[in-house]
Amino acid sequence: MSGDRRQQSLLGRWGEAQTARWLRQNGYTVLSSGWHCRFGEIDLIAEKGPFLCFVEVKTRRSGDFALPREAVTSAKQRRLCASAQMYLSAHPTQQRIRFDVAEVYAPEGTATKQPRIVYLEAAFEPPED
C-alpha cells in the first residue's frame, strides 16, 4: 500500500472511531464496526430506538473540494444496501432500517483534537428493485 493510501486508510479508521464515540454520546448503541461481506464493508452498524442504522463514514481534512457525502454515489449506495441485506439475513430484526452518513472534518488529520461531525440521518433510501 502506498504511503498516501496508508494515510487515507488510517484517517478513515480514525474517523470511524470518532463517529462511533459520537454515536454512543448521542444515545446510539454501536453493534458493529467494519462489518465485511462479499459486497463490501459497512463502516458502522448502530441502533437507537426503533432504528437499525447502517452508517457510512466519510472523513476529510476539509470540504473545500466537495462535501464528503458526495462520495456516497449511487453505486456505493447499492453496495451498502446489498451489504445491509447480507447483514440482515444473518441478524434478523423488527427494527426500521435507516442508511445514515457521517461526515467527519479533521483539519489536522488524526491529530485533530475536536473533529466536527455532521451526521445525516436517512441520508438515502434503498433503491427500488
N, C-alpha and C. Protein backbone atom coordinates (compact mmCIF):
# COMPACT_ATOMS: atom_id res chain seq x y z
N MET A 1 0.85 -1.17 0.00
CA MET A 1 0.00 0.00 0.00
C MET A 1 0.90 1.23 0.00
N SER A 2 0.59 2.19 -0.84
CA SER A 2 1.40 3.40 -0.91
C SER A 2 1.21 4.22 0.36
N GLY A 3 2.16 5.11 0.63
CA GLY A 3 2.10 5.95 1.81
C GLY A 3 0.84 6.81 1.86
N ASP A 4 0.47 7.38 0.70
CA ASP A 4 -0.74 8.20 0.61
C ASP A 4 -1.98 7.39 0.97
N ARG A 5 -2.07 6.19 0.41
CA ARG A 5 -3.22 5.32 0.65
C ARG A 5 -3.25 4.86 2.12
N ARG A 6 -2.09 4.57 2.66
CA ARG A 6 -2.00 4.15 4.06
C ARG A 6 -2.49 5.27 4.96
N GLN A 7 -2.09 6.53 4.66
CA GLN A 7 -2.53 7.68 5.44
C GLN A 7 -4.05 7.85 5.34
N GLN A 8 -4.60 7.68 4.13
CA GLN A 8 -6.04 7.79 3.94
C GLN A 8 -6.77 6.71 4.74
N SER A 9 -6.24 5.50 4.71
CA SER A 9 -6.85 4.39 5.43
C SER A 9 -6.81 4.65 6.94
N LEU A 10 -5.69 5.15 7.42
CA LEU A 10 -5.54 5.49 8.84
C LEU A 10 -6.53 6.58 9.23
N LEU A 11 -6.64 7.61 8.41
CA LEU A 11 -7.56 8.71 8.67
C LEU A 11 -9.00 8.19 8.66
N GLY A 12 -9.32 7.30 7.72
CA GLY A 12 -10.66 6.74 7.65
C GLY A 12 -11.02 5.94 8.89
N ARG A 13 -10.12 5.08 9.34
CA ARG A 13 -10.37 4.30 10.56
C ARG A 13 -10.51 5.22 11.78
N TRP A 14 -9.67 6.25 11.82
CA TRP A 14 -9.75 7.23 12.91
C TRP A 14 -11.12 7.91 12.89
N GLY A 15 -11.58 8.31 11.71
CA GLY A 15 -12.90 8.94 11.58
C GLY A 15 -14.03 8.02 12.01
N GLU A 16 -13.90 6.74 11.70
CA GLU A 16 -14.92 5.77 12.12
C GLU A 16 -14.95 5.67 13.65
N ALA A 17 -13.78 5.67 14.27
CA ALA A 17 -13.71 5.60 15.74
C ALA A 17 -14.32 6.86 16.36
N GLN A 18 -14.05 8.02 15.76
CA GLN A 18 -14.63 9.27 16.26
C GLN A 18 -16.15 9.25 16.13
N THR A 19 -16.63 8.71 15.01
CA THR A 19 -18.08 8.63 14.79
C THR A 19 -18.72 7.66 15.77
N ALA A 20 -18.08 6.52 16.02
CA ALA A 20 -18.62 5.55 16.99
C ALA A 20 -18.75 6.20 18.36
N ARG A 21 -17.74 6.97 18.74
CA ARG A 21 -17.79 7.68 20.02
C ARG A 21 -18.94 8.68 20.03
N TRP A 22 -19.10 9.44 18.94
CA TRP A 22 -20.19 10.42 18.81
C TRP A 22 -21.54 9.72 18.92
N LEU A 23 -21.68 8.58 18.24
CA LEU A 23 -22.94 7.84 18.30
C LEU A 23 -23.28 7.45 19.74
N ARG A 24 -22.29 6.89 20.43
CA ARG A 24 -22.53 6.49 21.83
C ARG A 24 -22.93 7.69 22.70
N GLN A 25 -22.27 8.82 22.48
CA GLN A 25 -22.57 10.02 23.26
C GLN A 25 -23.98 10.55 22.96
N ASN A 26 -24.51 10.15 21.81
CA ASN A 26 -25.83 10.63 21.40
C ASN A 26 -26.90 9.55 21.49
N GLY A 27 -26.66 8.56 22.34
CA GLY A 27 -27.70 7.59 22.66
C GLY A 27 -27.80 6.37 21.77
N TYR A 28 -26.87 6.19 20.86
CA TYR A 28 -26.87 5.02 20.00
C TYR A 28 -26.09 3.89 20.67
N THR A 29 -26.43 2.67 20.31
CA THR A 29 -25.64 1.51 20.68
C THR A 29 -24.94 1.03 19.42
N VAL A 30 -23.63 1.00 19.43
CA VAL A 30 -22.87 0.54 18.26
C VAL A 30 -22.77 -0.98 18.33
N LEU A 31 -23.30 -1.63 17.31
CA LEU A 31 -23.33 -3.09 17.26
C LEU A 31 -22.13 -3.68 16.54
N SER A 32 -21.63 -2.95 15.54
CA SER A 32 -20.53 -3.49 14.75
C SER A 32 -19.75 -2.36 14.10
N SER A 33 -18.47 -2.62 13.90
CA SER A 33 -17.59 -1.68 13.22
C SER A 33 -16.82 -2.45 12.16
N GLY A 34 -16.83 -1.94 10.93
CA GLY A 34 -16.07 -2.59 9.86
C GLY A 34 -16.62 -3.96 9.48
N TRP A 35 -17.94 -4.10 9.44
CA TRP A 35 -18.56 -5.39 9.08
C TRP A 35 -18.36 -5.65 7.59
N HIS A 36 -17.79 -6.81 7.27
CA HIS A 36 -17.47 -7.16 5.88
C HIS A 36 -18.34 -8.28 5.36
N CYS A 37 -18.61 -8.23 4.07
CA CYS A 37 -19.23 -9.34 3.35
C CYS A 37 -18.73 -9.27 1.91
N ARG A 38 -19.23 -10.13 1.08
CA ARG A 38 -18.73 -10.16 -0.31
C ARG A 38 -19.05 -8.90 -1.10
N PHE A 39 -20.02 -8.12 -0.65
CA PHE A 39 -20.40 -6.90 -1.37
C PHE A 39 -19.60 -5.68 -0.94
N GLY A 40 -18.97 -5.78 0.23
CA GLY A 40 -18.20 -4.64 0.71
C GLY A 40 -18.22 -4.55 2.22
N GLU A 41 -17.99 -3.36 2.71
CA GLU A 41 -17.90 -3.11 4.15
C GLU A 41 -18.93 -2.09 4.57
N ILE A 42 -19.50 -2.32 5.74
CA ILE A 42 -20.34 -1.32 6.38
C ILE A 42 -19.52 -0.74 7.52
N ASP A 43 -19.29 0.56 7.48
CA ASP A 43 -18.41 1.18 8.46
C ASP A 43 -18.89 0.96 9.89
N LEU A 44 -20.15 1.33 10.15
CA LEU A 44 -20.71 1.17 11.49
C LEU A 44 -22.16 0.71 11.39
N ILE A 45 -22.54 -0.14 12.32
CA ILE A 45 -23.93 -0.55 12.44
C ILE A 45 -24.33 -0.20 13.87
N ALA A 46 -25.39 0.60 13.99
CA ALA A 46 -25.80 1.08 15.31
C ALA A 46 -27.31 1.05 15.41
N GLU A 47 -27.78 1.09 16.64
CA GLU A 47 -29.23 1.15 16.84
C GLU A 47 -29.57 2.23 17.84
N LYS A 48 -30.75 2.79 17.62
CA LYS A 48 -31.29 3.78 18.55
C LYS A 48 -32.80 3.74 18.39
N GLY A 49 -33.46 3.44 19.48
CA GLY A 49 -34.93 3.35 19.44
C GLY A 49 -35.38 2.34 18.40
N PRO A 50 -36.30 2.75 17.53
CA PRO A 50 -36.84 1.80 16.56
C PRO A 50 -35.96 1.58 15.34
N PHE A 51 -34.79 2.22 15.29
CA PHE A 51 -33.97 2.18 14.08
C PHE A 51 -32.70 1.34 14.21
N LEU A 52 -32.44 0.58 13.17
CA LEU A 52 -31.14 -0.06 12.96
C LEU A 52 -30.48 0.74 11.85
N CYS A 53 -29.34 1.32 12.15
CA CYS A 53 -28.69 2.27 11.24
C CYS A 53 -27.42 1.69 10.65
N PHE A 54 -27.33 1.75 9.35
CA PHE A 54 -26.11 1.39 8.63
C PHE A 54 -25.44 2.71 8.30
N VAL A 55 -24.24 2.92 8.85
CA VAL A 55 -23.61 4.23 8.79
C VAL A 55 -22.36 4.19 7.90
N GLU A 56 -22.35 5.04 6.91
CA GLU A 56 -21.18 5.23 6.05
C GLU A 56 -20.45 6.47 6.57
N VAL A 57 -19.17 6.32 6.87
CA VAL A 57 -18.37 7.42 7.42
C VAL A 57 -17.42 7.93 6.35
N LYS A 58 -17.42 9.23 6.15
CA LYS A 58 -16.50 9.87 5.21
C LYS A 58 -15.71 10.93 5.97
N THR A 59 -14.41 10.73 6.04
CA THR A 59 -13.54 11.64 6.79
C THR A 59 -12.70 12.45 5.80
N ARG A 60 -12.68 13.75 6.02
CA ARG A 60 -11.91 14.65 5.16
C ARG A 60 -11.23 15.70 6.01
N ARG A 61 -10.16 16.24 5.48
CA ARG A 61 -9.50 17.36 6.15
C ARG A 61 -10.32 18.63 5.98
N SER A 62 -11.03 18.75 4.84
CA SER A 62 -11.91 19.90 4.63
C SER A 62 -12.97 19.51 3.60
N GLY A 63 -13.94 20.37 3.47
CA GLY A 63 -14.98 20.17 2.46
C GLY A 63 -14.81 21.13 1.31
N ASP A 64 -13.59 21.67 1.15
CA ASP A 64 -13.35 22.68 0.11
C ASP A 64 -13.58 22.14 -1.30
N PHE A 65 -13.11 20.93 -1.55
CA PHE A 65 -13.22 20.38 -2.89
C PHE A 65 -14.64 19.88 -3.15
N ALA A 66 -15.17 19.10 -2.23
CA ALA A 66 -16.53 18.56 -2.33
C ALA A 66 -16.94 18.10 -0.94
N LEU A 67 -18.23 18.07 -0.71
CA LEU A 67 -18.72 17.57 0.57
C LEU A 67 -18.48 16.06 0.65
N PRO A 68 -18.10 15.58 1.81
CA PRO A 68 -17.85 14.14 1.94
C PRO A 68 -19.04 13.29 1.51
N ARG A 69 -20.25 13.75 1.78
CA ARG A 69 -21.44 12.96 1.41
C ARG A 69 -21.53 12.71 -0.08
N GLU A 70 -20.91 13.57 -0.87
CA GLU A 70 -20.95 13.40 -2.32
C GLU A 70 -20.19 12.16 -2.78
N ALA A 71 -19.33 11.62 -1.91
CA ALA A 71 -18.60 10.40 -2.24
C ALA A 71 -19.47 9.15 -2.09
N VAL A 72 -20.66 9.32 -1.52
CA VAL A 72 -21.58 8.19 -1.38
C VAL A 72 -22.47 8.19 -2.63
N THR A 73 -21.88 7.71 -3.71
CA THR A 73 -22.53 7.70 -5.02
C THR A 73 -23.65 6.66 -5.06
N SER A 74 -24.42 6.67 -6.13
CA SER A 74 -25.49 5.67 -6.27
C SER A 74 -24.91 4.26 -6.31
N ALA A 75 -23.74 4.08 -6.91
CA ALA A 75 -23.10 2.75 -6.92
C ALA A 75 -22.72 2.34 -5.50
N LYS A 76 -22.18 3.27 -4.72
CA LYS A 76 -21.83 2.99 -3.33
C LYS A 76 -23.09 2.68 -2.53
N GLN A 77 -24.15 3.41 -2.78
CA GLN A 77 -25.41 3.15 -2.09
C GLN A 77 -25.92 1.74 -2.38
N ARG A 78 -25.84 1.31 -3.63
CA ARG A 78 -26.28 -0.05 -3.98
C ARG A 78 -25.45 -1.10 -3.24
N ARG A 79 -24.12 -0.90 -3.17
CA ARG A 79 -23.27 -1.85 -2.44
C ARG A 79 -23.60 -1.86 -0.95
N LEU A 80 -23.85 -0.68 -0.38
CA LEU A 80 -24.22 -0.62 1.03
C LEU A 80 -25.55 -1.34 1.28
N CYS A 81 -26.50 -1.16 0.41
CA CYS A 81 -27.79 -1.83 0.56
C CYS A 81 -27.65 -3.34 0.44
N ALA A 82 -26.83 -3.80 -0.52
CA ALA A 82 -26.59 -5.24 -0.68
C ALA A 82 -25.90 -5.79 0.56
N SER A 83 -24.94 -5.06 1.09
CA SER A 83 -24.25 -5.49 2.31
C SER A 83 -25.22 -5.52 3.49
N ALA A 84 -26.09 -4.52 3.57
CA ALA A 84 -27.08 -4.48 4.65
C ALA A 84 -28.01 -5.70 4.57
N GLN A 85 -28.40 -6.07 3.37
CA GLN A 85 -29.25 -7.26 3.20
C GLN A 85 -28.54 -8.51 3.70
N MET A 86 -27.25 -8.62 3.42
CA MET A 86 -26.47 -9.76 3.92
C MET A 86 -26.44 -9.74 5.45
N TYR A 87 -26.22 -8.58 6.02
CA TYR A 87 -26.20 -8.47 7.48
C TYR A 87 -27.55 -8.89 8.05
N LEU A 88 -28.62 -8.39 7.45
CA LEU A 88 -29.96 -8.68 7.96
C LEU A 88 -30.33 -10.15 7.81
N SER A 89 -29.79 -10.82 6.80
CA SER A 89 -30.08 -12.25 6.64
C SER A 89 -29.46 -13.04 7.80
N ALA A 90 -28.36 -12.55 8.34
CA ALA A 90 -27.71 -13.22 9.47
C ALA A 90 -28.19 -12.68 10.82
N HIS A 91 -28.74 -11.47 10.82
CA HIS A 91 -29.19 -10.81 12.06
C HIS A 91 -30.58 -10.21 11.85
N PRO A 92 -31.61 -11.05 11.75
CA PRO A 92 -32.96 -10.52 11.51
C PRO A 92 -33.38 -9.56 12.62
N THR A 93 -34.20 -8.59 12.26
CA THR A 93 -34.65 -7.59 13.23
C THR A 93 -36.05 -7.11 12.85
N GLN A 94 -36.74 -6.60 13.83
CA GLN A 94 -38.03 -5.95 13.60
C GLN A 94 -37.86 -4.43 13.53
N GLN A 95 -36.64 -3.96 13.73
CA GLN A 95 -36.38 -2.52 13.71
C GLN A 95 -36.51 -1.98 12.29
N ARG A 96 -36.77 -0.68 12.22
CA ARG A 96 -36.79 0.01 10.93
C ARG A 96 -35.35 0.24 10.50
N ILE A 97 -35.11 0.11 9.21
CA ILE A 97 -33.75 0.22 8.65
C ILE A 97 -33.54 1.65 8.16
N ARG A 98 -32.34 2.16 8.44
CA ARG A 98 -32.01 3.51 8.02
C ARG A 98 -30.56 3.53 7.55
N PHE A 99 -30.30 4.30 6.50
CA PHE A 99 -28.94 4.48 5.98
C PHE A 99 -28.51 5.92 6.27
N ASP A 100 -27.50 6.04 7.12
CA ASP A 100 -27.00 7.34 7.54
C ASP A 100 -25.60 7.57 6.99
N VAL A 101 -25.22 8.83 6.91
CA VAL A 101 -23.86 9.20 6.51
C VAL A 101 -23.30 10.14 7.57
N ALA A 102 -22.08 9.87 7.99
CA ALA A 102 -21.38 10.75 8.93
C ALA A 102 -20.22 11.41 8.19
N GLU A 103 -20.20 12.73 8.21
CA GLU A 103 -19.09 13.49 7.66
C GLU A 103 -18.21 13.91 8.82
N VAL A 104 -16.95 13.51 8.75
CA VAL A 104 -16.01 13.86 9.81
C VAL A 104 -14.98 14.82 9.21
N TYR A 105 -14.90 16.02 9.79
CA TYR A 105 -13.95 17.02 9.32
C TYR A 105 -12.79 17.08 10.32
N ALA A 106 -11.60 16.78 9.81
CA ALA A 106 -10.41 16.73 10.65
C ALA A 106 -9.29 17.53 9.98
N PRO A 107 -9.25 18.84 10.20
CA PRO A 107 -8.27 19.70 9.52
C PRO A 107 -6.82 19.30 9.75
N GLU A 108 -6.52 18.75 10.92
CA GLU A 108 -5.14 18.32 11.23
C GLU A 108 -5.00 16.81 11.12
N GLY A 109 -5.87 16.17 10.36
CA GLY A 109 -5.81 14.72 10.24
C GLY A 109 -6.08 14.06 11.58
N THR A 110 -5.37 12.97 11.85
CA THR A 110 -5.59 12.23 13.10
C THR A 110 -5.14 13.01 14.33
N ALA A 111 -4.44 14.11 14.14
CA ALA A 111 -4.02 14.96 15.27
C ALA A 111 -5.11 15.96 15.67
N THR A 112 -6.22 15.98 14.92
CA THR A 112 -7.31 16.90 15.22
C THR A 112 -7.89 16.59 16.60
N LYS A 113 -7.91 17.57 17.46
CA LYS A 113 -8.39 17.37 18.84
C LYS A 113 -9.92 17.28 18.91
N GLN A 114 -10.60 18.11 18.14
CA GLN A 114 -12.06 18.12 18.18
C GLN A 114 -12.60 18.12 16.75
N PRO A 115 -12.71 16.93 16.16
CA PRO A 115 -13.24 16.88 14.79
C PRO A 115 -14.71 17.34 14.78
N ARG A 116 -15.10 17.91 13.68
CA ARG A 116 -16.51 18.31 13.52
C ARG A 116 -17.21 17.16 12.81
N ILE A 117 -18.29 16.69 13.39
CA ILE A 117 -19.05 15.59 12.80
C ILE A 117 -20.42 16.12 12.40
N VAL A 118 -20.73 15.94 11.12
CA VAL A 118 -22.05 16.26 10.60
C VAL A 118 -22.72 14.92 10.34
N TYR A 119 -23.80 14.66 11.07
CA TYR A 119 -24.46 13.36 10.99
C TYR A 119 -25.78 13.51 10.23
N LEU A 120 -25.89 12.78 9.14
CA LEU A 120 -27.07 12.87 8.27
C LEU A 120 -27.91 11.61 8.43
N GLU A 121 -29.01 11.73 9.16
CA GLU A 121 -29.93 10.61 9.31
C GLU A 121 -30.71 10.42 8.02
N ALA A 122 -30.96 9.15 7.69
CA ALA A 122 -31.72 8.82 6.47
C ALA A 122 -31.14 9.56 5.27
N ALA A 123 -29.84 9.47 5.09
CA ALA A 123 -29.14 10.19 4.02
C ALA A 123 -29.57 9.73 2.64
N PHE A 124 -30.00 8.47 2.54
CA PHE A 124 -30.51 7.98 1.27
C PHE A 124 -31.46 6.82 1.54
N GLU A 125 -32.32 6.59 0.58
CA GLU A 125 -33.27 5.48 0.64
C GLU A 125 -32.73 4.33 -0.19
N PRO A 126 -33.02 3.09 0.22
CA PRO A 126 -32.58 1.96 -0.61
C PRO A 126 -33.21 2.05 -1.99
N PRO A 127 -32.45 1.70 -3.04
CA PRO A 127 -33.01 1.76 -4.38
C PRO A 127 -34.12 0.73 -4.54
N GLU A 128 -35.09 1.06 -5.38
CA GLU A 128 -36.18 0.13 -5.67
C GLU A 128 -35.63 -1.03 -6.52
N ASP A 129 -36.13 -2.22 -6.25
CA ASP A 129 -35.67 -3.38 -7.05
C ASP A 129 -36.28 -3.39 -8.43
